Structure formats: C-alpha cells, structure tokens
Amino acid sequence: SKTLPVRLLDEAGNEVTGIQLDNRNINVSIPIS
C-alpha cells in the first residue's frame, strides 16, 4: 500500500510538463497472494 506520484509520458517515454492535474498522487494497493 503506497501513495505514488502520477507521471505523464509522451510516446517516447519522456515526461510531459506544463499540465495541471486534479490529483498529483495516487493511492496504490496491491494484494500479494
């Protein structure tokens, strides 16, 4: 369970800047079984 930053990437995998996000961080939960 982690809170991680959102990444915006173009087709080449480069970071895209200059965009406003309503949520900069996402809560991630990964069950292990």
PDB file of all heavy atoms in Angstrom:
ATOM      1  N   SER A   1       0.860  -1.183   0.000  1.00  0.00           N
ATOM      2  CA  SER A   1       0.000   0.000   0.000  1.00  0.00           C
ATOM      3  C   SER A   1       0.896   1.232   0.000  1.00  0.00           C
ATOM      4  O   SER A   1       1.665   1.451   0.935  1.00  0.00           O
ATOM      5  CB  SER A   1      -0.925   0.009   1.216  1.00  0.00           C
ATOM      6  OG  SER A   1      -1.778   1.133   1.185  1.00  0.00           O
ATOM      7  N   LYS A   2       0.803   2.040  -1.079  1.00  0.00           N
ATOM      8  CA  LYS A   2       1.667   3.206  -1.216  1.00  0.00           C
ATOM      9  C   LYS A   2       0.907   4.367  -1.853  1.00  0.00           C
ATOM     10  O   LYS A   2      -0.085   4.163  -2.548  1.00  0.00           O
ATOM     11  CB  LYS A   2       2.887   2.881  -2.095  1.00  0.00           C
ATOM     12  CG  LYS A   2       3.863   1.891  -1.494  1.00  0.00           C
ATOM     13  CD  LYS A   2       5.068   1.717  -2.398  1.00  0.00           C
ATOM     14  CE  LYS A   2       6.104   0.788  -1.772  1.00  0.00           C
ATOM     15  NZ  LYS A   2       7.304   0.649  -2.641  1.00  0.00           N
ATOM     16  N   THR A   3       1.403   5.578  -1.613  1.00  0.00           N
ATOM     17  CA  THR A   3       0.928   6.776  -2.310  1.00  0.00           C
ATOM     18  C   THR A   3       2.036   7.203  -3.250  1.00  0.00           C
ATOM     19  O   THR A   3       3.153   7.490  -2.807  1.00  0.00           O
ATOM     20  CB  THR A   3       0.589   7.903  -1.322  1.00  0.00           C
ATOM     21  OG1 THR A   3      -0.449   7.461  -0.440  1.00  0.00           O
ATOM     22  CG2 THR A   3       0.109   9.135  -2.073  1.00  0.00           C
ATOM     23  N   LEU A   4       1.710   7.234  -4.562  1.00  0.00           N
ATOM     24  CA  LEU A   4       2.737   7.440  -5.567  1.00  0.00           C
ATOM     25  C   LEU A   4       2.381   8.598  -6.496  1.00  0.00           C
ATOM     26  O   LEU A   4       1.202   8.845  -6.768  1.00  0.00           O
ATOM     27  CB  LEU A   4       2.914   6.159  -6.396  1.00  0.00           C
ATOM     28  CG  LEU A   4       3.335   4.915  -5.601  1.00  0.00           C
ATOM     29  CD1 LEU A   4       3.233   3.678  -6.455  1.00  0.00           C
ATOM     30  CD2 LEU A   4       4.764   5.083  -5.090  1.00  0.00           C
ATOM     31  N   PRO A   5       3.399   9.301  -7.008  1.00  0.00           N
ATOM     32  CA  PRO A   5       3.140  10.429  -7.910  1.00  0.00           C
ATOM     33  C   PRO A   5       2.716   9.949  -9.303  1.00  0.00           C
ATOM     34  O   PRO A   5       3.185   8.917  -9.788  1.00  0.00           O
ATOM     35  CB  PRO A   5       4.485  11.156  -7.971  1.00  0.00           C
ATOM     36  CG  PRO A   5       5.491  10.085  -7.685  1.00  0.00           C
ATOM     37  CD  PRO A   5       4.832   9.134  -6.722  1.00  0.00           C
ATOM     38  N   VAL A   6       1.836  10.725  -9.926  1.00  0.00           N
ATOM     39  CA  VAL A   6       1.407  10.435 -11.296  1.00  0.00           C
ATOM     40  C   VAL A   6       2.481  10.929 -12.261  1.00  0.00           C
ATOM     41  O   VAL A   6       3.032  12.020 -12.097  1.00  0.00           O
ATOM     42  CB  VAL A   6       0.066  11.125 -11.608  1.00  0.00           C
ATOM     43  CG1 VAL A   6      -0.325  10.904 -13.065  1.00  0.00           C
ATOM     44  CG2 VAL A   6      -1.009  10.608 -10.686  1.00  0.00           C
ATOM     45  N   ARG A   7       2.758  10.116 -13.284  1.00  0.00           N
ATOM     46  CA  ARG A   7       3.712  10.504 -14.318  1.00  0.00           C
ATOM     47  C   ARG A   7       2.981  10.627 -15.650  1.00  0.00           C
ATOM     48  O   ARG A   7       2.197   9.745 -16.016  1.00  0.00           O
ATOM     49  CB  ARG A   7       4.846   9.492 -14.432  1.00  0.00           C
ATOM     50  CG  ARG A   7       5.662   9.325 -13.159  1.00  0.00           C
ATOM     51  CD  ARG A   7       6.759   8.299 -13.377  1.00  0.00           C
ATOM     52  NE  ARG A   7       7.719   8.769 -14.357  1.00  0.00           N
ATOM     53  CZ  ARG A   7       8.482   7.950 -15.088  1.00  0.00           C
ATOM     54  NH1 ARG A   7       8.355   6.636 -14.970  1.00  0.00           N
ATOM     55  NH2 ARG A   7       9.336   8.444 -15.963  1.00  0.00           N
ATOM     56  N   LEU A   8       3.239  11.728 -16.354  1.00  0.00           N
ATOM     57  CA  LEU A   8       2.678  11.948 -17.691  1.00  0.00           C
ATOM     58  C   LEU A   8       3.798  11.753 -18.697  1.00  0.00           C
ATOM     59  O   LEU A   8       4.808  12.454 -18.649  1.00  0.00           O
ATOM     60  CB  LEU A   8       2.099  13.363 -17.808  1.00  0.00           C
ATOM     61  CG  LEU A   8       1.075  13.774 -16.747  1.00  0.00           C
ATOM     62  CD1 LEU A   8       0.607  15.202 -17.012  1.00  0.00           C
ATOM     63  CD2 LEU A   8      -0.113  12.824 -16.735  1.00  0.00           C
ATOM     64  N   LEU A   9       3.617  10.781 -19.616  1.00  0.00           N
ATOM     65  CA  LEU A   9       4.680  10.436 -20.552  1.00  0.00           C
ATOM     66  C   LEU A   9       4.202  10.566 -21.985  1.00  0.00           C
ATOM     67  O   LEU A   9       3.048  10.261 -22.300  1.00  0.00           O
ATOM     68  CB  LEU A   9       5.172   9.004 -20.311  1.00  0.00           C
ATOM     69  CG  LEU A   9       5.642   8.656 -18.894  1.00  0.00           C
ATOM     70  CD1 LEU A   9       6.044   7.195 -18.818  1.00  0.00           C
ATOM     71  CD2 LEU A   9       6.798   9.554 -18.471  1.00  0.00           C
ATOM     72  N   ASP A  10       5.115  11.000 -22.867  1.00  0.00           N
ATOM     73  CA  ASP A  10       4.782  11.046 -24.285  1.00  0.00           C
ATOM     74  C   ASP A  10       5.102   9.700 -24.923  1.00  0.00           C
ATOM     75  O   ASP A  10       5.459   8.735 -24.228  1.00  0.00           O
ATOM     76  CB  ASP A  10       5.512  12.191 -24.989  1.00  0.00           C
ATOM     77  CG  ASP A  10       7.035  12.036 -24.953  1.00  0.00           C
ATOM     78  OD1 ASP A  10       7.528  10.936 -24.659  1.00  0.00           O
ATOM     79  OD2 ASP A  10       7.733  13.040 -25.218  1.00  0.00           O
ATOM     80  N   GLU A  11       4.968   9.632 -26.242  1.00  0.00           N
ATOM     81  CA  GLU A  11       5.146   8.353 -26.942  1.00  0.00           C
ATOM     82  C   GLU A  11       6.546   7.793 -26.770  1.00  0.00           C
ATOM     83  O   GLU A  11       6.748   6.579 -26.762  1.00  0.00           O
ATOM     84  CB  GLU A  11       4.833   8.546 -28.426  1.00  0.00           C
ATOM     85  CG  GLU A  11       4.642   7.251 -29.189  1.00  0.00           C
ATOM     86  CD  GLU A  11       4.036   7.473 -30.559  1.00  0.00           C
ATOM     87  OE1 GLU A  11       3.945   8.641 -30.991  1.00  0.00           O
ATOM     88  OE2 GLU A  11       3.634   6.492 -31.196  1.00  0.00           O
ATOM     89  N   ALA A  12       7.532   8.659 -26.605  1.00  0.00           N
ATOM     90  CA  ALA A  12       8.921   8.226 -26.438  1.00  0.00           C
ATOM     91  C   ALA A  12       9.268   7.933 -24.984  1.00  0.00           C
ATOM     92  O   ALA A  12      10.396   7.545 -24.682  1.00  0.00           O
ATOM     93  CB  ALA A  12       9.867   9.283 -26.997  1.00  0.00           C
ATOM     94  N   GLY A  13       8.306   8.109 -24.077  1.00  0.00           N
ATOM     95  CA  GLY A  13       8.558   7.851 -22.667  1.00  0.00           C
ATOM     96  C   GLY A  13       9.140   9.023 -21.909  1.00  0.00           C
ATOM     97  O   GLY A  13       9.599   8.870 -20.773  1.00  0.00           O
ATOM     98  N   ASN A  14       9.119  10.203 -22.519  1.00  0.00           N
ATOM     99  CA  ASN A  14       9.631  11.399 -21.853  1.00  0.00           C
ATOM    100  C   ASN A  14       8.529  12.058 -21.020  1.00  0.00           C
ATOM    101  O   ASN A  14       7.354  11.998 -21.376  1.00  0.00           O
ATOM    102  CB  ASN A  14      10.159  12.394 -22.886  1.00  0.00           C
ATOM    103  CG  ASN A  14      11.275  11.810 -23.725  1.00  0.00           C
ATOM    104  OD1 ASN A  14      12.194  11.196 -23.198  1.00  0.00           O
ATOM    105  ND2 ASN A  14      11.205  11.994 -25.033  1.00  0.00           N
ATOM    106  N   GLU A  15       8.946  12.708 -19.927  1.00  0.00           N
ATOM    107  CA  GLU A  15       7.994  13.396 -19.067  1.00  0.00           C
ATOM    108  C   GLU A  15       7.382  14.593 -19.796  1.00  0.00           C
ATOM    109  O   GLU A  15       8.079  15.338 -20.491  1.00  0.00           O
ATOM    110  CB  GLU A  15       8.694  13.880 -17.799  1.00  0.00           C
ATOM    111  CG  GLU A  15       9.251  12.772 -16.914  1.00  0.00           C
ATOM    112  CD  GLU A  15       8.207  12.209 -15.960  1.00  0.00           C
ATOM    113  OE1 GLU A  15       7.088  12.758 -15.928  1.00  0.00           O
ATOM    114  OE2 GLU A  15       8.528  11.230 -15.256  1.00  0.00           O
ATOM    115  N   VAL A  16       6.069  14.761 -19.629  1.00  0.00           N
ATOM    116  CA  VAL A  16       5.364  15.915 -20.191  1.00  0.00           C
ATOM    117  C   VAL A  16       5.023  16.857 -19.044  1.00  0.00           C
ATOM    118  O   VAL A  16       4.416  16.450 -18.046  1.00  0.00           O
ATOM    119  CB  VAL A  16       4.086  15.486 -20.931  1.00  0.00           C
ATOM    120  CG1 VAL A  16       3.358  16.712 -21.485  1.00  0.00           C
ATOM    121  CG2 VAL A  16       4.415  14.511 -22.054  1.00  0.00           C
ATOM    122  N   THR A  17       5.423  18.121 -19.172  1.00  0.00           N
ATOM    123  CA  THR A  17       5.179  19.109 -18.119  1.00  0.00           C
ATOM    124  C   THR A  17       4.212  20.177 -18.618  1.00  0.00           C
ATOM    125  O   THR A  17       3.807  20.177 -19.775  1.00  0.00           O
ATOM    126  CB  THR A  17       6.502  19.760 -17.681  1.00  0.00           C
ATOM    127  OG1 THR A  17       7.110  20.386 -18.820  1.00  0.00           O
ATOM    128  CG2 THR A  17       7.467  18.721 -17.120  1.00  0.00           C
ATOM    129  N   GLY A  18       3.869  21.097 -17.724  1.00  0.00           N
ATOM    130  CA  GLY A  18       3.003  22.203 -18.091  1.00  0.00           C
ATOM    131  C   GLY A  18       1.530  21.854 -18.103  1.00  0.00           C
ATOM    132  O   GLY A  18       0.729  22.543 -18.737  1.00  0.00           O
ATOM    133  N   ILE A  19       1.151  20.781 -17.406  1.00  0.00           N
ATOM    134  CA  ILE A  19      -0.250  20.349 -17.347  1.00  0.00           C
ATOM    135  C   ILE A  19      -0.698  20.343 -15.889  1.00  0.00           C
ATOM    136  O   ILE A  19       0.017  19.857 -15.003  1.00  0.00           O
ATOM    137  CB  ILE A  19      -0.431  18.950 -17.961  1.00  0.00           C
ATOM    138  CG1 ILE A  19      -0.108  18.993 -19.464  1.00  0.00           C
ATOM    139  CG2 ILE A  19      -1.852  18.433 -17.750  1.00  0.00           C
ATOM    140  CD1 ILE A  19      -0.183  17.649 -20.143  1.00  0.00           C
ATOM    141  N   GLN A  20      -1.884  20.873 -15.663  1.00  0.00           N
ATOM    142  CA  GLN A  20      -2.449  20.876 -14.308  1.00  0.00           C
ATOM    143  C   GLN A  20      -3.227  19.586 -14.086  1.00  0.00           C
ATOM    144  O   GLN A  20      -3.997  19.145 -14.936  1.00  0.00           O
ATOM    145  CB  GLN A  20      -3.375  22.081 -14.151  1.00  0.00           C
ATOM    146  CG  GLN A  20      -4.049  22.164 -12.780  1.00  0.00           C
ATOM    147  CD  GLN A  20      -5.015  23.330 -12.691  1.00  0.00           C
ATOM    148  OE1 GLN A  20      -4.956  24.246 -13.514  1.00  0.00           O
ATOM    149  NE2 GLN A  20      -5.895  23.304 -11.718  1.00  0.00           N
ATOM    150  N   LEU A  21      -3.028  18.955 -12.923  1.00  0.00           N
ATOM    151  CA  LEU A  21      -3.712  17.713 -12.557  1.00  0.00           C
ATOM    152  C   LEU A  21      -4.596  17.953 -11.342  1.00  0.00           C
ATOM    153  O   LEU A  21      -4.211  18.664 -10.419  1.00  0.00           O
ATOM    154  CB  LEU A  21      -2.700  16.610 -12.229  1.00  0.00           C
ATOM    155  CG  LEU A  21      -1.907  16.009 -13.394  1.00  0.00           C
ATOM    156  CD1 LEU A  21      -0.819  15.105 -12.852  1.00  0.00           C
ATOM    157  CD2 LEU A  21      -2.822  15.245 -14.309  1.00  0.00           C
ATOM    158  N   ASP A  22      -5.779  17.321 -11.350  1.00  0.00           N
ATOM    159  CA  ASP A  22      -6.622  17.445 -10.160  1.00  0.00           C
ATOM    160  C   ASP A  22      -6.098  16.589  -9.016  1.00  0.00           C
ATOM    161  O   ASP A  22      -6.371  16.865  -7.853  1.00  0.00           O
ATOM    162  CB  ASP A  22      -8.082  17.083 -10.492  1.00  0.00           C
ATOM    163  CG  ASP A  22      -8.245  15.615 -10.863  1.00  0.00           C
ATOM    164  OD1 ASP A  22      -7.279  15.008 -11.370  1.00  0.00           O
ATOM    165  OD2 ASP A  22      -9.348  15.069 -10.665  1.00  0.00           O
ATOM    166  N   ASN A  23      -5.324  15.543  -9.345  1.00  0.00           N
ATOM    167  CA  ASN A  23      -4.683  14.704  -8.319  1.00  0.00           C
ATOM    168  C   ASN A  23      -3.260  14.407  -8.762  1.00  0.00           C
ATOM    169  O   ASN A  23      -3.052  13.756  -9.806  1.00  0.00           O
ATOM    170  CB  ASN A  23      -5.444  13.389  -8.113  1.00  0.00           C
ATOM    171  CG  ASN A  23      -6.718  13.574  -7.329  1.00  0.00           C
ATOM    172  OD1 ASN A  23      -6.699  13.802  -6.136  1.00  0.00           O
ATOM    173  ND2 ASN A  23      -7.848  13.496  -8.028  1.00  0.00           N
ATOM    174  N   ARG A  24      -2.304  14.859  -7.990  1.00  0.00           N
ATOM    175  CA  ARG A  24      -0.905  14.607  -8.312  1.00  0.00           C
ATOM    176  C   ARG A  24      -0.414  13.273  -7.771  1.00  0.00           C
ATOM    177  O   ARG A  24       0.608  12.743  -8.222  1.00  0.00           O
ATOM    178  CB  ARG A  24      -0.027  15.722  -7.738  1.00  0.00           C
ATOM    179  CG  ARG A  24      -0.104  17.018  -8.503  1.00  0.00           C
ATOM    180  CD  ARG A  24       0.686  16.946  -9.786  1.00  0.00           C
ATOM    181  NE  ARG A  24       0.512  18.125 -10.622  1.00  0.00           N
ATOM    182  CZ  ARG A  24       1.054  18.264 -11.816  1.00  0.00           C
ATOM    183  NH1 ARG A  24       1.778  17.285 -12.313  1.00  0.00           N
ATOM    184  NH2 ARG A  24       0.857  19.355 -12.527  1.00  0.00           N
ATOM    185  N   ASN A  25      -1.127  12.709  -6.796  1.00  0.00           N
ATOM    186  CA  ASN A  25      -0.715  11.455  -6.174  1.00  0.00           C
ATOM    187  C   ASN A  25      -1.870  10.461  -6.185  1.00  0.00           C
ATOM    188  O   ASN A  25      -3.040  10.847  -6.079  1.00  0.00           O
ATOM    189  CB  ASN A  25      -0.240  11.686  -4.737  1.00  0.00           C
ATOM    190  CG  ASN A  25       1.003  12.564  -4.688  1.00  0.00           C
ATOM    191  OD1 ASN A  25       2.057  12.169  -5.164  1.00  0.00           O
ATOM    192  ND2 ASN A  25       0.874  13.749  -4.121  1.00  0.00           N
ATOM    193  N   ILE A  26      -1.516   9.180  -6.321  1.00  0.00           N
ATOM    194  CA  ILE A  26      -2.496   8.098  -6.393  1.00  0.00           C
ATOM    195  C   ILE A  26      -2.206   7.104  -5.272  1.00  0.00           C
ATOM    196  O   ILE A  26      -1.052   6.737  -5.021  1.00  0.00           O
ATOM    197  CB  ILE A  26      -2.417   7.372  -7.752  1.00  0.00           C
ATOM    198  CG1 ILE A  26      -2.702   8.339  -8.900  1.00  0.00           C
ATOM    199  CG2 ILE A  26      -3.383   6.195  -7.798  1.00  0.00           C
ATOM    200  CD1 ILE A  26      -4.101   8.877  -8.929  1.00  0.00           C
ATOM    201  N   ASN A  27      -3.262   6.655  -4.596  1.00  0.00           N
ATOM    202  CA  ASN A  27      -3.121   5.598  -3.599  1.00  0.00           C
ATOM    203  C   ASN A  27      -3.155   4.245  -4.314  1.00  0.00           C
ATOM    204  O   ASN A  27      -4.113   3.938  -5.028  1.00  0.00           O
ATOM    205  CB  ASN A  27      -4.243   5.679  -2.571  1.00  0.00           C
ATOM    206  CG  ASN A  27      -4.190   6.961  -1.756  1.00  0.00           C
ATOM    207  OD1 ASN A  27      -3.110   7.412  -1.388  1.00  0.00           O
ATOM    208  ND2 ASN A  27      -5.346   7.551  -1.489  1.00  0.00           N
ATOM    209  N   VAL A  28      -2.108   3.467  -4.115  1.00  0.00           N
ATOM    210  CA  VAL A  28      -1.967   2.173  -4.793  1.00  0.00           C
ATOM    211  C   VAL A  28      -1.996   1.050  -3.760  1.00  0.00           C
ATOM    212  O   VAL A  28      -1.246   1.074  -2.785  1.00  0.00           O
ATOM    213  CB  VAL A  28      -0.650   2.105  -5.593  1.00  0.00           C
ATOM    214  CG1 VAL A  28      -0.506   0.737  -6.266  1.00  0.00           C
ATOM    215  CG2 VAL A  28      -0.604   3.220  -6.634  1.00  0.00           C
ATOM    216  N   SER A  29      -2.874   0.068  -4.014  1.00  0.00           N
ATOM    217  CA  SER A  29      -2.951  -1.107  -3.142  1.00  0.00           C
ATOM    218  C   SER A  29      -2.799  -2.358  -4.007  1.00  0.00           C
ATOM    219  O   SER A  29      -3.558  -2.548  -4.960  1.00  0.00           O
ATOM    220  CB  SER A  29      -4.291  -1.138  -2.404  1.00  0.00           C
ATOM    221  OG  SER A  29      -4.403  -2.311  -1.614  1.00  0.00           O
ATOM    222  N   ILE A  30      -1.798  -3.191  -3.689  1.00  0.00           N
ATOM    223  CA  ILE A  30      -1.536  -4.424  -4.452  1.00  0.00           C
ATOM    224  C   ILE A  30      -1.573  -5.606  -3.498  1.00  0.00           C
ATOM    225  O   ILE A  30      -0.657  -5.787  -2.689  1.00  0.00           O
ATOM    226  CB  ILE A  30      -0.172  -4.373  -5.157  1.00  0.00           C
ATOM    227  CG1 ILE A  30      -0.072  -3.131  -6.047  1.00  0.00           C
ATOM    228  CG2 ILE A  30       0.040  -5.633  -5.986  1.00  0.00           C
ATOM    229  CD1 ILE A  30       1.263  -2.986  -6.742  1.00  0.00           C
ATOM    230  N   PRO A  31      -2.622  -6.444  -3.566  1.00  0.00           N
ATOM    231  CA  PRO A  31      -2.661  -7.642  -2.724  1.00  0.00           C
ATOM    232  C   PRO A  31      -1.603  -8.655  -3.178  1.00  0.00           C
ATOM    233  O   PRO A  31      -1.362  -8.819  -4.376  1.00  0.00           O
ATOM    234  CB  PRO A  31      -4.075  -8.186  -2.949  1.00  0.00           C
ATOM    235  CG  PRO A  31      -4.848  -7.049  -3.543  1.00  0.00           C
ATOM    236  CD  PRO A  31      -3.856  -6.253  -4.325  1.00  0.00           C
ATOM    237  N   ILE A  32      -0.970  -9.310  -2.235  1.00  0.00           N
ATOM    238  CA  ILE A  32       0.012 -10.370  -2.503  1.00  0.00           C
ATOM    239  C   ILE A  32      -0.577 -11.686  -2.020  1.00  0.00           C
ATOM    240  O   ILE A  32      -1.073 -11.778  -0.891  1.00  0.00           O
ATOM    241  CB  ILE A  32       1.346 -10.103  -1.803  1.00  0.00           C
ATOM    242  CG1 ILE A  32       1.899  -8.723  -2.212  1.00  0.00           C
ATOM    243  CG2 ILE A  32       2.349 -11.191  -2.116  1.00  0.00           C
ATOM    244  CD1 ILE A  32       2.251  -8.597  -3.663  1.00  0.00           C
ATOM    245  N   SER A  33      -0.535 -12.726  -2.884  1.00  0.00           N
ATOM    246  CA  SER A  33      -1.208 -13.983  -2.546  1.00  0.00           C
ATOM    247  C   SER A  33      -0.358 -15.181  -2.944  1.00  0.00           C
ATOM    248  O   SER A  33       0.615 -15.054  -3.708  1.00  0.00           O
ATOM    249  CB  SER A  33      -2.571 -14.034  -3.269  1.00  0.00           C
ATOM    250  OG  SER A  33      -3.215 -15.269  -3.043  1.00  0.00           O
TER     251      SER A  33
END
